[in-house]
């Protein structure tokens, strides 16, 4: 019995150990990507470029090969509005904390001064005597974004709390700076197939986020999408040790938060043959999973979706796999428009932090992270 039980126990232990290592590595990657060093993986303090270089270093450890003859990168340019200098907002003379008490709408232009407020409705106030339209808008949640230009107005979004009651005055100091033709880059690699390299399985995730607002405040983007980046890096580690049947490609996109720019550029400008893609899986928001996962394009590719569900039914990995139709909400979209069969998968439930300063590594539960990874590996085997 000992000779039989020991190997069984050993295999179970190894499987558990590998899963634990996957989770530990995910934490390491997410913690690094959400650190102040990368400043929200945006357009201030060189955050986006530093994140790209970090991803390449991690892939090189697993000996993932550059997708292009020129290397791992595919460059493109974009315009982006930034707030690089110190930002301040005072309401009724009280200094507010950027990111926690307020944000600026991403297209806001430069403005400086103190103004009286006129109540327009229950949630909006207009600044009297401002050199350009200035609006103070009360919100239940602060949700930051990215814009490609600065408008001739400014919107200060403030969190609905006690200090925002009965507003009389606002003092604002904001300098916006539009970066024109900012050089961004997609990071692209592959693991060779052991049987076929004329057919590809593709995994994608965006590594950019919202960057910062001023000199100190940045948006970490743990769930969105350091989680997806970490899972792709985990898959690279797995396939480097377990060679896949087909050529397996890994695409880390920039410019997603600015309008799916990186994926659009890849589809339009790269020399990669889209017709060689057997299936593409785009991953974003993978840090939770209490309520299962959502599969976008499930109704477009019903046989593939049923395969995914059958694996889950057999192995009891995810609580529930829900389905959606086509949606232009992430980087899979441009591939889908070109006829590439693809899913976009994200986790459901858990924390509600999104596009804010609260999306941090410490509170990201990674509830179903390992099980999603297992599900994807098993699904690709069926393809």
Protein backbone atom coordinates (compact mmCIF):
# COMPACT_ATOMS: atom_id res chain seq x y z
CA UNK A 1 0.00 0.00 0.00
CA UNK A 2 2.80 2.39 0.82
CA UNK A 3 4.25 1.99 -2.68
CA UNK A 4 0.85 2.93 -4.20
CA UNK A 5 -0.18 5.66 -1.80
CA UNK A 6 3.11 7.52 -1.86
CA UNK A 7 3.04 8.35 -5.60
CA UNK A 8 -0.63 9.39 -5.35
CA UNK A 9 0.14 11.63 -2.40
CA UNK A 10 3.22 12.97 -4.16
CA UNK A 11 1.26 13.87 -7.31
CA UNK A 12 -1.44 15.59 -5.26
CA UNK A 13 1.20 17.53 -3.34
CA UNK A 14 2.97 18.60 -6.54
CA UNK A 15 -0.28 19.76 -8.11
CA UNK A 16 -1.09 21.77 -4.99
CA UNK A 17 2.43 23.16 -4.90
CA UNK A 18 2.27 24.29 -8.52
CA UNK A 19 -1.06 26.03 -7.88
CA UNK A 20 0.34 27.74 -4.81
CA UNK A 21 3.36 28.87 -6.81
CA UNK A 22 1.12 30.24 -9.56
CA UNK A 23 -0.78 32.30 -7.00
CA UNK A 24 2.40 33.52 -5.31
CA UNK A 25 3.87 34.55 -8.64
CA UNK A 26 0.63 36.36 -9.51
CA UNK A 27 0.88 38.34 -6.27
CA UNK A 28 4.48 39.21 -7.03
CA UNK A 29 3.64 40.47 -10.53
CA UNK A 30 0.55 42.41 -9.44
CA UNK A 31 2.40 44.03 -6.54
CA UNK A 32 5.18 45.14 -8.88
CA UNK A 33 2.88 46.47 -11.60
CA UNK A 34 0.78 48.44 -9.09
CA UNK A 35 3.75 49.99 -7.29
CA UNK A 36 4.50 53.70 -7.41
CA UNK A 37 7.47 52.90 -9.65
CA UNK A 38 5.05 52.30 -12.53
CA UNK A 39 2.74 55.17 -11.50
CA UNK A 40 -0.47 53.61 -12.77
CA UNK A 41 1.12 52.31 -16.00
CA UNK A 42 0.18 55.48 -17.81
CA UNK A 43 1.76 58.50 -19.44
CA UNK A 44 3.43 60.24 -16.50
CA UNK A 45 6.79 59.32 -14.95
CA UNK A 46 7.47 56.90 -17.82
CA UNK A 47 5.12 54.39 -16.16
CA UNK A 48 3.88 52.68 -19.32
CA UNK A 49 7.36 52.16 -20.72
CA UNK A 50 8.70 50.77 -17.43
CA UNK A 51 5.82 48.28 -17.31
CA UNK A 52 6.55 47.10 -20.86
CA UNK A 53 10.22 46.52 -20.03
CA UNK A 54 9.27 44.60 -16.87
CA UNK A 55 6.96 42.29 -18.86
CA UNK A 56 9.74 41.58 -21.36
CA UNK A 57 12.17 40.71 -18.55
CA UNK A 58 9.66 38.27 -17.07
CA UNK A 59 9.01 36.63 -20.44
CA UNK A 60 12.72 36.26 -21.11
CA UNK A 61 13.06 34.24 -17.90
CA UNK A 62 10.69 31.69 -19.46
CA UNK A 63 12.46 31.94 -22.84
CA UNK A 64 9.38 33.21 -24.67
CA UNK A 65 10.41 34.29 -28.16
CA UNK A 66 9.82 37.74 -29.71
CA UNK A 67 6.90 37.67 -32.13
CA UNK A 68 8.57 39.99 -34.64
CA UNK A 69 11.95 39.99 -36.30
CA UNK A 70 12.49 43.43 -34.76
CA UNK A 71 11.84 42.13 -31.24
CA UNK A 72 9.03 42.04 -28.69
CA UNK A 73 7.62 45.50 -29.39
CA UNK A 74 5.12 46.89 -31.85
CA UNK A 75 5.11 50.69 -31.66
CA UNK A 76 2.29 53.13 -32.27
CA UNK A 77 1.61 56.73 -31.27
CA UNK A 78 -1.33 58.39 -29.56
CA UNK A 79 -2.38 61.72 -28.09
CA UNK A 80 -3.23 61.89 -24.41
CA UNK A 81 -4.24 64.64 -21.98
CA UNK A 82 -2.28 64.57 -18.72
CA UNK A 83 -2.17 66.44 -15.41
CA UNK A 84 1.56 66.39 -14.63
CA UNK A 85 1.92 69.06 -11.95
CA UNK A 86 0.56 69.50 -8.45
CA UNK A 87 -3.24 69.59 -8.41
CA UNK A 88 -5.35 71.18 -5.68
CA UNK A 89 -9.04 71.59 -4.96
CA UNK A 90 -10.57 73.38 -1.98
CA UNK A 91 -14.28 73.38 -1.21
CA UNK A 92 -15.55 76.00 1.20
CA UNK A 93 -11.91 76.59 2.09
CA UNK A 94 -11.21 72.92 2.96
CA UNK A 95 -8.40 71.15 1.08
CA UNK A 96 -9.53 67.89 -0.54
CA UNK A 97 -7.44 64.77 -1.12
CA UNK A 98 -6.91 63.97 -4.81
CA UNK A 99 -8.17 60.57 -5.91
CA UNK A 100 -10.05 59.99 -2.66
CA UNK A 101 -12.17 63.14 -2.40
CA UNK A 102 -12.12 64.22 -6.04
CA UNK A 103 -10.90 63.64 -9.58
CA UNK A 104 -10.92 65.76 -12.72
CA UNK A 105 -12.73 64.62 -15.83
CA UNK A 106 -9.92 63.42 -18.14
CA UNK A 107 -10.57 66.03 -20.85
CA UNK A 108 -10.39 68.97 -18.41
CA UNK A 109 -8.31 71.99 -19.44
CA UNK A 110 -6.02 74.14 -17.30
CA UNK A 111 -7.58 76.49 -14.78
CA UNK A 112 -6.56 78.35 -11.65
CA UNK A 113 -8.57 80.50 -9.29
CA UNK A 114 -11.15 80.80 -6.51
CA UNK A 115 -14.81 81.09 -7.45
CA UNK A 116 -18.26 81.28 -5.91
CA UNK A 117 -20.55 78.36 -6.72
CA UNK A 118 -24.08 78.55 -8.05
CA UNK A 119 -26.22 75.45 -7.56
CA UNK A 120 -27.55 74.25 -10.91
CA UNK A 121 -29.34 71.12 -9.67
CA UNK A 122 -29.06 68.52 -6.89
CA UNK A 123 -25.60 67.32 -7.97
CA UNK A 124 -24.03 70.06 -10.14
CA UNK A 125 -22.61 73.49 -9.30
CA UNK A 126 -21.35 76.16 -11.70
CA UNK A 127 -18.40 78.43 -10.91
CA UNK A 128 -19.32 82.11 -11.13
CA UNK A 129 -16.79 84.34 -12.90
CA UNK A 130 -14.59 81.49 -14.13
CA UNK A 131 -12.55 82.26 -17.30
CA UNK A 132 -13.94 79.06 -18.82
CA UNK A 133 -16.81 76.75 -17.82
CA UNK A 134 -16.02 75.10 -14.48
CA UNK A 135 -18.42 72.53 -13.05
CA UNK A 136 -18.33 70.82 -9.66
CA UNK A 137 -20.25 67.56 -9.90
CA UNK A 138 -21.14 65.38 -6.90
CA UNK A 139 -20.72 61.63 -7.52
CA UNK A 140 -21.50 58.46 -5.59
CA UNK A 141 -18.26 56.95 -6.93
CA UNK A 142 -15.14 58.44 -8.50
CA UNK A 143 -14.23 56.77 -11.80
CA UNK A 144 -11.19 58.11 -13.67
CA UNK A 145 -10.45 57.68 -17.38
CA UNK A 146 -8.18 58.82 -20.25
CA UNK A 147 -8.80 61.50 -22.91
CA UNK A 148 -6.87 62.33 -26.07
CA UNK A 149 -7.31 66.12 -25.84
CA UNK A 150 -7.97 69.00 -23.46
CA UNK A 151 -11.26 70.84 -23.80
CA UNK A 152 -12.00 74.47 -22.97
CA UNK A 153 -13.73 73.54 -19.73
CA UNK A 154 -13.02 71.75 -16.47
CA UNK A 155 -15.15 69.31 -14.47
CA UNK A 156 -14.26 68.53 -10.86
CA UNK A 157 -15.97 65.34 -9.72
CA UNK A 158 -16.24 65.14 -5.95
CA UNK A 159 -17.26 62.20 -3.80
CA UNK A 160 -20.62 62.60 -2.12
CA UNK A 161 -19.86 62.97 1.60
CA UNK A 162 -20.49 65.34 4.48
CA UNK A 163 -17.88 67.88 3.37
CA UNK A 164 -19.66 68.28 0.01
CA UNK A 165 -22.89 69.59 1.52
CA UNK A 166 -23.94 73.22 1.06
CA UNK A 167 -21.15 74.21 -1.32
CA UNK A 168 -20.35 77.93 -1.54
CA UNK A 169 -16.84 78.28 -2.98
CA UNK A 170 -14.30 76.26 -4.94
CA UNK A 171 -10.59 76.91 -5.40
CA UNK A 172 -8.92 74.97 -8.21
CA UNK A 173 -5.35 74.70 -9.47
CA UNK A 174 -4.98 72.42 -12.48
CA UNK A 175 -2.53 72.41 -15.36
CA UNK A 176 -3.28 70.04 -18.22
CA UNK A 177 -0.71 69.03 -20.83
CA UNK A 178 -1.55 67.18 -24.03
CA UNK A 179 1.17 64.78 -25.13
CA UNK A 180 1.03 64.56 -28.92
CA UNK A 181 2.24 61.43 -30.70
CA UNK A 182 3.19 59.76 -27.43
CA UNK A 183 4.99 56.52 -28.34
CA UNK A 184 3.24 53.46 -26.89
CA UNK A 185 4.02 49.83 -27.60
CA UNK A 186 2.38 46.45 -27.60
CA UNK A 187 4.49 43.64 -26.14
CA UNK A 188 4.29 40.46 -28.23
CA UNK A 189 5.82 36.99 -27.77
CA UNK A 190 5.19 33.32 -28.49
CA UNK A 191 5.99 29.77 -27.42
CA UNK A 192 6.61 27.46 -30.42
CA UNK A 193 4.14 24.62 -31.03
CA UNK A 194 5.50 21.09 -30.77
CA UNK A 195 3.34 19.94 -33.72
CA UNK A 196 2.21 22.96 -35.73
CA UNK A 197 3.41 26.54 -36.04
CA UNK A 198 1.17 27.55 -38.93
CA UNK A 199 -1.78 27.63 -36.50
CA UNK A 200 -1.91 29.80 -33.39
CA UNK A 201 -3.68 29.99 -30.06
CA UNK A 202 -3.58 33.59 -28.81
CA UNK A 203 -3.88 35.01 -25.29
CA UNK A 204 -4.22 38.76 -24.83
CA UNK A 205 -4.39 41.25 -21.95
CA UNK A 206 -3.85 45.00 -21.74
CA UNK A 207 -1.08 46.19 -19.44
CA UNK A 208 -1.76 49.93 -19.56
CA UNK A 209 -3.94 51.68 -16.99
CA UNK A 210 -4.90 55.27 -16.15
CA UNK A 211 -1.59 56.64 -14.96
CA UNK A 212 -1.66 59.49 -12.46
CA UNK A 213 -3.26 62.80 -11.57
CA UNK A 214 -0.67 65.26 -10.31
CA UNK A 215 2.72 64.41 -8.82
CA UNK A 216 1.60 62.00 -6.08
CA UNK A 217 -1.74 60.42 -6.95
CA UNK A 218 -1.84 57.40 -9.25
CA UNK A 219 -4.36 54.69 -10.13
CA UNK A 220 -2.76 51.26 -9.37
CA UNK A 221 -5.01 49.06 -11.55
CA UNK A 222 -4.59 45.77 -9.69
CA UNK A 223 -7.72 44.06 -10.97
CA UNK A 224 -7.71 46.19 -14.13
CA UNK A 225 -5.50 44.74 -15.45
CA UNK A 226 -2.38 43.70 -13.57
CA UNK A 227 -4.39 40.54 -12.84
CA UNK A 228 -4.71 39.69 -16.54
CA UNK A 229 -1.04 40.46 -17.20
CA UNK A 230 0.00 38.15 -14.36
CA UNK A 231 -2.13 35.32 -15.74
CA UNK A 232 -0.56 35.62 -19.20
CA UNK A 233 2.88 35.52 -17.59
CA UNK A 234 1.81 32.44 -15.63
CA UNK A 235 0.64 30.80 -18.85
CA UNK A 236 4.00 31.57 -20.46
CA UNK A 237 5.74 29.86 -17.54
CA UNK A 238 3.43 26.85 -17.91
CA UNK A 239 3.82 26.47 -21.68
CA UNK A 240 7.58 26.90 -21.53
CA UNK A 241 7.65 23.75 -19.38
CA UNK A 242 4.75 22.02 -21.15
CA UNK A 243 5.18 22.73 -24.89
CA UNK A 244 1.81 23.37 -26.55
CA UNK A 245 0.53 21.61 -29.66
CA UNK A 246 0.07 24.86 -31.56
CA UNK A 247 2.12 28.02 -31.66
CA UNK A 248 0.89 29.98 -28.63
CA UNK A 249 1.03 33.76 -28.86
CA UNK A 250 0.90 36.27 -25.99
CA UNK A 251 -0.10 39.87 -26.71
CA UNK A 252 0.12 42.57 -24.02
CA UNK A 253 -1.65 45.65 -25.34
CA UNK A 254 -1.12 49.33 -24.55
CA UNK A 255 -3.75 52.00 -25.13
CA UNK A 256 -6.76 49.91 -24.05
CA UNK A 257 -7.99 52.50 -21.56
CA UNK A 258 -7.65 55.20 -24.23
CA UNK A 259 -10.00 53.40 -26.63
CA UNK A 260 -8.61 49.95 -27.52
CA UNK A 261 -5.80 51.63 -29.45
CA UNK A 262 -3.12 48.96 -29.09
CA UNK A 263 -5.29 46.09 -30.28
CA UNK A 264 -6.63 48.20 -33.15
CA UNK A 265 -3.09 48.95 -34.22
CA UNK A 266 -2.09 45.29 -34.01
CA UNK A 267 -5.00 44.19 -36.18
CA UNK A 268 -4.47 46.97 -38.73
CA UNK A 269 -0.70 47.32 -38.88
CA UNK A 270 1.11 44.14 -37.84
CA UNK A 271 2.23 41.48 -40.30
CA UNK A 272 0.81 38.70 -38.15
CA UNK A 273 -1.58 36.51 -40.14
CA UNK A 274 -4.94 36.76 -38.39
CA UNK A 275 -6.23 33.81 -40.41
CA UNK A 276 -3.74 31.56 -38.62
CA UNK A 277 -5.51 32.12 -35.28
CA UNK A 278 -7.49 29.06 -34.26
CA UNK A 279 -8.83 30.82 -31.17
CA UNK A 280 -8.10 33.96 -29.16
CA UNK A 281 -8.83 34.53 -25.46
CA UNK A 282 -8.70 38.06 -24.07
CA UNK A 283 -8.35 38.38 -20.28
CA UNK A 284 -9.18 41.34 -18.06
CA UNK A 285 -10.39 41.87 -14.46
CA UNK A 286 -9.33 38.43 -13.22
CA UNK A 287 -8.84 39.22 -9.54
CA UNK A 288 -12.19 38.05 -8.16
CA UNK A 289 -14.64 35.30 -9.15
CA UNK A 290 -16.98 34.87 -6.18
CA UNK A 291 -19.90 34.95 -8.61
CA UNK A 292 -18.13 33.12 -11.44
CA UNK A 293 -16.87 34.40 -14.78
CA UNK A 294 -18.42 36.14 -17.77
CA UNK A 295 -17.67 35.09 -21.34
CA UNK A 296 -18.22 37.76 -23.98
CA UNK A 297 -18.89 36.36 -27.48
CA UNK A 298 -20.32 33.18 -25.95
CA UNK A 299 -23.45 33.49 -28.07
CA UNK A 300 -21.29 34.01 -31.19
CA UNK A 301 -19.31 30.82 -30.67
CA UNK A 302 -21.75 28.44 -29.02
CA UNK A 303 -19.89 25.12 -29.63
CA UNK A 304 -16.70 26.58 -28.12
CA UNK A 305 -18.65 27.98 -25.18
CA UNK A 306 -20.26 24.59 -24.54
CA UNK A 307 -16.79 23.02 -24.48
CA UNK A 308 -15.73 25.52 -21.84
CA UNK A 309 -18.80 24.77 -19.75
CA UNK A 310 -18.38 21.00 -20.10
CA UNK A 311 -14.84 21.21 -18.69
CA UNK A 312 -16.10 23.24 -15.77
CA UNK A 313 -18.99 20.82 -15.15
CA UNK A 314 -16.58 17.90 -15.04
CA UNK A 315 -13.87 19.52 -12.91
CA UNK A 316 -16.01 21.87 -10.76
CA UNK A 317 -13.61 24.79 -11.08
CA UNK A 318 -15.77 27.91 -11.32
CA UNK A 319 -19.07 28.58 -9.52
CA UNK A 320 -20.80 29.70 -12.72
CA UNK A 321 -19.89 30.53 -16.30
CA UNK A 322 -22.17 33.26 -17.60
CA UNK A 323 -22.53 34.37 -21.20
CA UNK A 324 -22.83 37.59 -23.17
CA UNK A 325 -23.02 38.41 -26.85
CA UNK A 326 -20.75 40.69 -28.84
CA UNK A 327 -19.47 43.76 -27.03
CA UNK A 328 -16.85 46.36 -27.94
CA UNK A 329 -15.59 46.68 -24.36
CA UNK A 330 -12.10 45.20 -24.57
CA UNK A 331 -9.24 44.23 -26.87
CA UNK A 332 -10.87 41.12 -28.33
CA UNK A 333 -13.25 43.38 -30.27
CA UNK A 334 -11.06 44.31 -33.25
CA UNK A 335 -10.11 40.65 -33.75
CA UNK A 336 -13.77 39.69 -33.60
CA UNK A 337 -14.56 42.29 -36.24
CA UNK A 338 -12.01 40.63 -38.52
CA UNK A 339 -13.66 37.23 -38.09
CA UNK A 340 -11.18 35.81 -35.58
CA UNK A 341 -12.98 33.38 -33.21
CA UNK A 342 -12.47 34.72 -29.71
CA UNK A 343 -13.72 35.08 -26.15
CA UNK A 344 -13.29 37.88 -23.66
CA UNK A 345 -13.30 36.50 -20.11
CA UNK A 346 -13.54 38.44 -16.83
CA UNK A 347 -14.36 37.46 -13.25
CA UNK A 348 -17.48 38.49 -11.34
CA UNK A 349 -18.22 39.48 -7.73
CA UNK A 350 -15.91 40.47 -4.91
CA UNK A 351 -14.41 43.92 -4.68
CA UNK A 352 -16.03 46.86 -6.46
CA UNK A 353 -12.90 48.99 -6.99
CA UNK A 354 -12.69 50.07 -10.61
CA UNK A 355 -10.82 52.96 -12.27
CA UNK A 356 -10.07 54.44 -8.87
CA UNK A 357 -7.27 54.63 -6.30
CA UNK A 358 -8.80 51.72 -4.35
CA UNK A 359 -7.94 49.08 -6.99
CA UNK A 360 -4.87 47.86 -5.09
CA UNK A 361 -3.03 44.55 -4.72
CA UNK A 362 -3.59 44.17 -0.96
CA UNK A 363 -7.37 43.92 -1.26
CA UNK A 364 -7.47 41.87 -4.47
CA UNK A 365 -8.70 38.41 -3.38
CA UNK A 366 -7.71 36.36 -6.48
CA UNK A 367 -10.66 34.16 -5.51
CA UNK A 368 -10.75 32.02 -8.67
CA UNK A 369 -7.42 32.96 -10.21
CA UNK A 370 -5.86 29.48 -10.14
CA UNK A 371 -9.08 27.80 -11.28
CA UNK A 372 -9.45 30.17 -14.23
CA UNK A 373 -5.87 29.36 -15.20
CA UNK A 374 -6.63 25.61 -15.02
CA UNK A 375 -9.83 26.08 -17.02
CA UNK A 376 -7.99 27.88 -19.81
CA UNK A 377 -5.25 25.26 -20.00
CA UNK A 378 -7.78 22.43 -20.20
CA UNK A 379 -9.84 24.32 -22.78
CA UNK A 380 -6.85 24.86 -25.06
CA UNK A 381 -6.12 21.12 -24.89
CA UNK A 382 -9.54 20.48 -26.42
CA UNK A 383 -8.81 22.89 -29.27
